């Protein structure tokens, strides 16, 4: 699959994730993109996004709070950063990177 096709798929997956989280009562925000992502990173390639979740108590900072979203993300074919202690990270594997 080409990078462009993967980016299209990733965008569709992100939309599903946002809807899934909103249906469960969470407010969803995208984290700021960092200028320091190196050119080989999935963030730079458009295949990773950091998603911030909020509930009635505020911003959720614990990786475990993202477990439901991470499991959904993995179910639809993505890689969740909670498996490597980055609960807000959601990506689509490409060229051996997760």
N, C-alpha and C. Protein backbone atom coordinates (compact mmCIF):
# COMPACT_ATOMS: atom_id res chain seq x y z
N UNK A 1 0.84 -1.17 0.00
CA UNK A 1 0.00 0.00 0.00
C UNK A 1 0.89 1.24 0.00
N UNK A 2 0.56 2.21 -0.81
CA UNK A 2 1.37 3.43 -0.88
C UNK A 2 1.19 4.27 0.39
N UNK A 3 2.12 5.17 0.62
CA UNK A 3 2.02 6.06 1.76
C UNK A 3 0.74 6.88 1.67
N UNK A 4 0.42 7.37 0.48
CA UNK A 4 -0.80 8.16 0.31
C UNK A 4 -2.05 7.36 0.67
N UNK A 5 -2.11 6.12 0.23
CA UNK A 5 -3.26 5.26 0.55
C UNK A 5 -3.32 4.99 2.05
N UNK A 6 -2.17 4.81 2.67
CA UNK A 6 -2.16 4.59 4.13
C UNK A 6 -2.62 5.84 4.87
N UNK A 7 -2.24 7.01 4.38
CA UNK A 7 -2.66 8.25 5.02
C UNK A 7 -4.17 8.41 4.93
N UNK A 8 -4.74 8.02 3.79
CA UNK A 8 -6.20 8.06 3.64
C UNK A 8 -6.86 7.11 4.63
N UNK A 9 -6.34 5.89 4.72
CA UNK A 9 -6.87 4.90 5.66
C UNK A 9 -6.73 5.40 7.09
N UNK A 10 -5.57 5.97 7.43
CA UNK A 10 -5.33 6.49 8.77
C UNK A 10 -6.35 7.58 9.12
N UNK A 11 -6.61 8.47 8.20
CA UNK A 11 -7.58 9.54 8.43
C UNK A 11 -8.96 8.97 8.71
N UNK A 12 -9.36 7.97 7.95
CA UNK A 12 -10.66 7.33 8.18
C UNK A 12 -10.69 6.66 9.55
N UNK A 13 -9.60 6.03 9.93
CA UNK A 13 -9.52 5.37 11.23
C UNK A 13 -9.60 6.38 12.37
N UNK A 14 -8.93 7.51 12.22
CA UNK A 14 -8.97 8.56 13.25
C UNK A 14 -10.39 9.07 13.42
N UNK A 15 -11.10 9.23 12.32
CA UNK A 15 -12.50 9.68 12.42
C UNK A 15 -13.33 8.68 13.22
N UNK A 16 -13.14 7.39 12.96
CA UNK A 16 -13.85 6.36 13.71
C UNK A 16 -13.49 6.41 15.20
N UNK A 17 -12.22 6.60 15.49
CA UNK A 17 -11.77 6.67 16.88
C UNK A 17 -12.40 7.86 17.60
N UNK A 18 -12.40 9.01 16.96
CA UNK A 18 -12.99 10.20 17.57
C UNK A 18 -14.47 9.97 17.84
N UNK A 19 -15.18 9.42 16.88
CA UNK A 19 -16.61 9.15 17.06
C UNK A 19 -16.84 8.15 18.19
N UNK A 20 -16.02 7.11 18.25
CA UNK A 20 -16.14 6.10 19.29
C UNK A 20 -15.96 6.72 20.67
N UNK A 21 -14.96 7.55 20.82
CA UNK A 21 -14.70 8.21 22.11
C UNK A 21 -15.83 9.16 22.47
N UNK A 22 -16.32 9.92 21.50
CA UNK A 22 -17.40 10.85 21.76
C UNK A 22 -18.68 10.12 22.16
N UNK A 23 -18.94 8.98 21.53
CA UNK A 23 -20.13 8.19 21.87
C UNK A 23 -20.05 7.69 23.31
N UNK A 24 -18.84 7.54 23.82
CA UNK A 24 -18.66 7.08 25.21
C UNK A 24 -18.62 8.26 26.19
N UNK A 25 -18.85 9.47 25.68
CA UNK A 25 -18.98 10.63 26.55
C UNK A 25 -17.73 11.46 26.76
N UNK A 26 -16.69 11.20 25.99
CA UNK A 26 -15.44 11.94 26.14
C UNK A 26 -15.37 13.10 25.15
N UNK A 27 -14.71 14.17 25.58
CA UNK A 27 -14.33 15.25 24.68
C UNK A 27 -12.98 14.87 24.10
N UNK A 28 -12.82 15.06 22.81
CA UNK A 28 -11.59 14.65 22.12
C UNK A 28 -10.90 15.87 21.53
N UNK A 29 -9.61 15.95 21.75
CA UNK A 29 -8.80 17.02 21.14
C UNK A 29 -7.54 16.39 20.56
N UNK A 30 -7.05 16.98 19.48
CA UNK A 30 -5.76 16.58 18.95
C UNK A 30 -4.69 17.37 19.68
N UNK A 31 -3.62 16.70 20.06
CA UNK A 31 -2.49 17.38 20.68
C UNK A 31 -1.79 18.23 19.62
N UNK A 32 -1.04 19.21 20.07
CA UNK A 32 -0.25 20.03 19.15
C UNK A 32 0.80 19.16 18.48
N UNK A 33 1.03 19.41 17.20
CA UNK A 33 2.12 18.71 16.50
C UNK A 33 3.41 19.40 16.89
N UNK A 34 4.42 18.62 17.10
CA UNK A 34 5.71 19.15 17.52
C UNK A 34 6.63 19.31 16.32
N UNK A 35 7.29 20.43 16.25
CA UNK A 35 8.20 20.71 15.14
C UNK A 35 9.42 19.79 15.16
N UNK A 36 9.66 19.15 16.28
CA UNK A 36 10.88 18.35 16.40
C UNK A 36 10.71 16.90 15.95
N UNK A 37 9.55 16.55 15.38
CA UNK A 37 9.41 15.19 14.84
C UNK A 37 10.40 15.03 13.68
N UNK A 38 11.21 14.00 13.75
CA UNK A 38 12.17 13.80 12.67
C UNK A 38 11.46 13.28 11.43
N UNK A 39 12.07 13.47 10.28
CA UNK A 39 11.41 13.19 9.01
C UNK A 39 11.06 11.72 8.80
N UNK A 40 11.60 10.84 9.61
CA UNK A 40 11.27 9.43 9.48
C UNK A 40 10.14 9.00 10.42
N UNK A 41 9.67 9.91 11.28
CA UNK A 41 8.65 9.54 12.25
C UNK A 41 7.29 9.38 11.58
N UNK A 42 6.44 8.57 12.19
CA UNK A 42 5.09 8.40 11.66
C UNK A 42 4.27 9.68 11.81
N UNK A 43 4.55 10.49 12.82
CA UNK A 43 3.87 11.78 12.94
C UNK A 43 4.18 12.63 11.71
N UNK A 44 5.45 12.71 11.35
CA UNK A 44 5.87 13.51 10.20
C UNK A 44 5.26 12.97 8.91
N UNK A 45 5.13 11.65 8.80
CA UNK A 45 4.59 11.03 7.59
C UNK A 45 3.06 11.08 7.54
N UNK A 46 2.42 11.59 8.58
CA UNK A 46 0.96 11.68 8.60
C UNK A 46 0.27 10.39 8.98
N UNK A 47 0.97 9.53 9.72
CA UNK A 47 0.42 8.24 10.11
C UNK A 47 0.36 8.06 11.62
N UNK A 48 0.47 9.15 12.37
CA UNK A 48 0.36 9.09 13.83
C UNK A 48 -0.25 10.39 14.34
N UNK A 49 -1.01 10.25 15.41
CA UNK A 49 -1.65 11.41 16.02
C UNK A 49 -1.71 11.17 17.52
N UNK A 50 -1.50 12.21 18.29
CA UNK A 50 -1.69 12.15 19.73
C UNK A 50 -3.08 12.71 20.02
N UNK A 51 -3.90 11.88 20.67
CA UNK A 51 -5.28 12.22 20.97
C UNK A 51 -5.40 12.47 22.47
N UNK A 52 -6.00 13.58 22.83
CA UNK A 52 -6.21 13.92 24.24
C UNK A 52 -7.68 13.73 24.59
N UNK A 53 -7.94 13.04 25.68
CA UNK A 53 -9.31 12.80 26.11
C UNK A 53 -9.60 13.58 27.39
N UNK A 54 -10.83 14.06 27.48
CA UNK A 54 -11.31 14.81 28.64
C UNK A 54 -12.64 14.22 29.08
N UNK A 55 -12.83 14.13 30.38
CA UNK A 55 -14.14 13.77 30.91
C UNK A 55 -14.58 14.88 31.88
N UNK A 56 -15.57 14.62 32.70
CA UNK A 56 -16.09 15.65 33.60
C UNK A 56 -15.05 16.14 34.61
N UNK A 57 -13.97 15.37 34.81
CA UNK A 57 -12.93 15.78 35.75
C UNK A 57 -11.81 16.57 35.08
N UNK A 58 -11.78 16.55 33.74
CA UNK A 58 -10.74 17.26 33.02
C UNK A 58 -9.92 16.34 32.13
N UNK A 59 -8.71 16.77 31.82
CA UNK A 59 -7.80 16.04 30.94
C UNK A 59 -7.35 14.74 31.59
N UNK A 60 -7.45 13.65 30.83
CA UNK A 60 -7.04 12.34 31.33
C UNK A 60 -5.57 12.14 30.99
N UNK A 61 -4.75 11.95 32.02
CA UNK A 61 -3.31 11.86 31.83
C UNK A 61 -2.76 10.45 31.95
N UNK A 62 -3.50 9.56 32.58
CA UNK A 62 -3.01 8.21 32.83
C UNK A 62 -3.23 7.32 31.60
N UNK A 63 -2.20 6.57 31.22
CA UNK A 63 -2.29 5.67 30.06
C UNK A 63 -3.48 4.73 30.20
N UNK A 64 -3.73 4.24 31.39
CA UNK A 64 -4.81 3.29 31.60
C UNK A 64 -6.18 3.87 31.24
N UNK A 65 -6.34 5.18 31.35
CA UNK A 65 -7.61 5.83 31.00
C UNK A 65 -7.90 5.73 29.51
N UNK A 66 -6.89 5.45 28.71
CA UNK A 66 -7.02 5.36 27.26
C UNK A 66 -7.17 3.92 26.77
N UNK A 67 -7.22 2.98 27.71
CA UNK A 67 -7.25 1.57 27.34
C UNK A 67 -8.42 1.25 26.40
N UNK A 68 -9.62 1.73 26.70
CA UNK A 68 -10.77 1.44 25.86
C UNK A 68 -10.55 1.94 24.43
N UNK A 69 -9.96 3.13 24.30
CA UNK A 69 -9.69 3.70 22.98
C UNK A 69 -8.57 2.94 22.28
N UNK A 70 -7.54 2.56 23.04
CA UNK A 70 -6.43 1.82 22.48
C UNK A 70 -6.86 0.46 21.97
N UNK A 71 -7.71 -0.22 22.72
CA UNK A 71 -8.19 -1.53 22.28
C UNK A 71 -9.05 -1.41 21.03
N UNK A 72 -9.87 -0.37 20.96
CA UNK A 72 -10.67 -0.13 19.75
C UNK A 72 -9.74 0.15 18.57
N UNK A 73 -8.73 0.99 18.79
CA UNK A 73 -7.79 1.35 17.74
C UNK A 73 -7.07 0.10 17.21
N UNK A 74 -6.64 -0.75 18.10
CA UNK A 74 -5.99 -2.00 17.67
C UNK A 74 -6.97 -2.90 16.92
N UNK A 75 -8.22 -2.94 17.35
CA UNK A 75 -9.24 -3.75 16.70
C UNK A 75 -9.45 -3.33 15.24
N UNK A 76 -9.34 -2.01 14.97
CA UNK A 76 -9.54 -1.56 13.59
C UNK A 76 -8.24 -1.52 12.79
N UNK A 77 -7.14 -1.99 13.39
CA UNK A 77 -5.90 -2.18 12.63
C UNK A 77 -4.75 -1.26 12.95
N UNK A 78 -4.88 -0.43 13.98
CA UNK A 78 -3.81 0.50 14.32
C UNK A 78 -2.90 -0.01 15.42
N UNK A 79 -1.91 0.80 15.74
CA UNK A 79 -0.99 0.53 16.84
C UNK A 79 -1.21 1.59 17.91
N UNK A 80 -1.42 1.12 19.14
CA UNK A 80 -1.66 2.05 20.25
C UNK A 80 -0.40 2.21 21.08
N UNK A 81 -0.05 3.45 21.35
CA UNK A 81 1.15 3.76 22.12
C UNK A 81 1.09 3.34 23.57
N UNK A 82 -0.08 3.02 24.09
CA UNK A 82 -0.19 2.55 25.46
C UNK A 82 0.57 1.26 25.70
N UNK A 83 0.87 0.54 24.62
CA UNK A 83 1.64 -0.69 24.76
C UNK A 83 3.11 -0.39 25.02
N UNK A 84 3.52 0.88 24.75
CA UNK A 84 4.89 1.30 25.06
C UNK A 84 4.89 2.60 25.86
N UNK A 85 3.91 2.71 26.80
CA UNK A 85 3.81 3.79 27.78
C UNK A 85 3.59 5.17 27.18
N UNK A 86 2.80 5.25 26.10
CA UNK A 86 2.42 6.53 25.51
C UNK A 86 0.94 6.44 25.13
N UNK A 87 0.08 6.50 26.14
CA UNK A 87 -1.34 6.25 25.96
C UNK A 87 -2.06 7.14 24.99
N UNK A 88 -1.54 8.33 24.74
CA UNK A 88 -2.22 9.27 23.83
C UNK A 88 -1.83 9.05 22.36
N UNK A 89 -0.90 8.15 22.10
CA UNK A 89 -0.36 7.94 20.74
C UNK A 89 -1.15 6.87 19.99
N UNK A 90 -1.60 7.23 18.79
CA UNK A 90 -2.33 6.32 17.91
C UNK A 90 -1.68 6.41 16.53
N UNK A 91 -1.29 5.26 15.99
CA UNK A 91 -0.57 5.27 14.71
C UNK A 91 -0.98 4.09 13.84
N UNK A 92 -0.51 4.15 12.61
CA UNK A 92 -0.68 3.07 11.65
C UNK A 92 0.71 2.67 11.19
N UNK A 93 1.05 1.42 11.39
CA UNK A 93 2.41 0.94 11.07
C UNK A 93 2.75 1.16 9.61
N UNK A 94 4.03 1.48 9.37
CA UNK A 94 4.52 1.72 8.02
C UNK A 94 6.03 1.49 8.00
N UNK A 95 6.47 0.74 7.04
CA UNK A 95 7.91 0.49 6.84
C UNK A 95 8.59 0.01 8.13
N UNK A 96 7.92 -0.84 8.89
CA UNK A 96 8.49 -1.40 10.10
C UNK A 96 8.37 -0.52 11.33
N UNK A 97 7.80 0.67 11.20
CA UNK A 97 7.64 1.59 12.34
C UNK A 97 6.22 1.50 12.88
N UNK A 98 6.11 1.66 14.20
CA UNK A 98 4.80 1.66 14.85
C UNK A 98 4.61 2.96 15.60
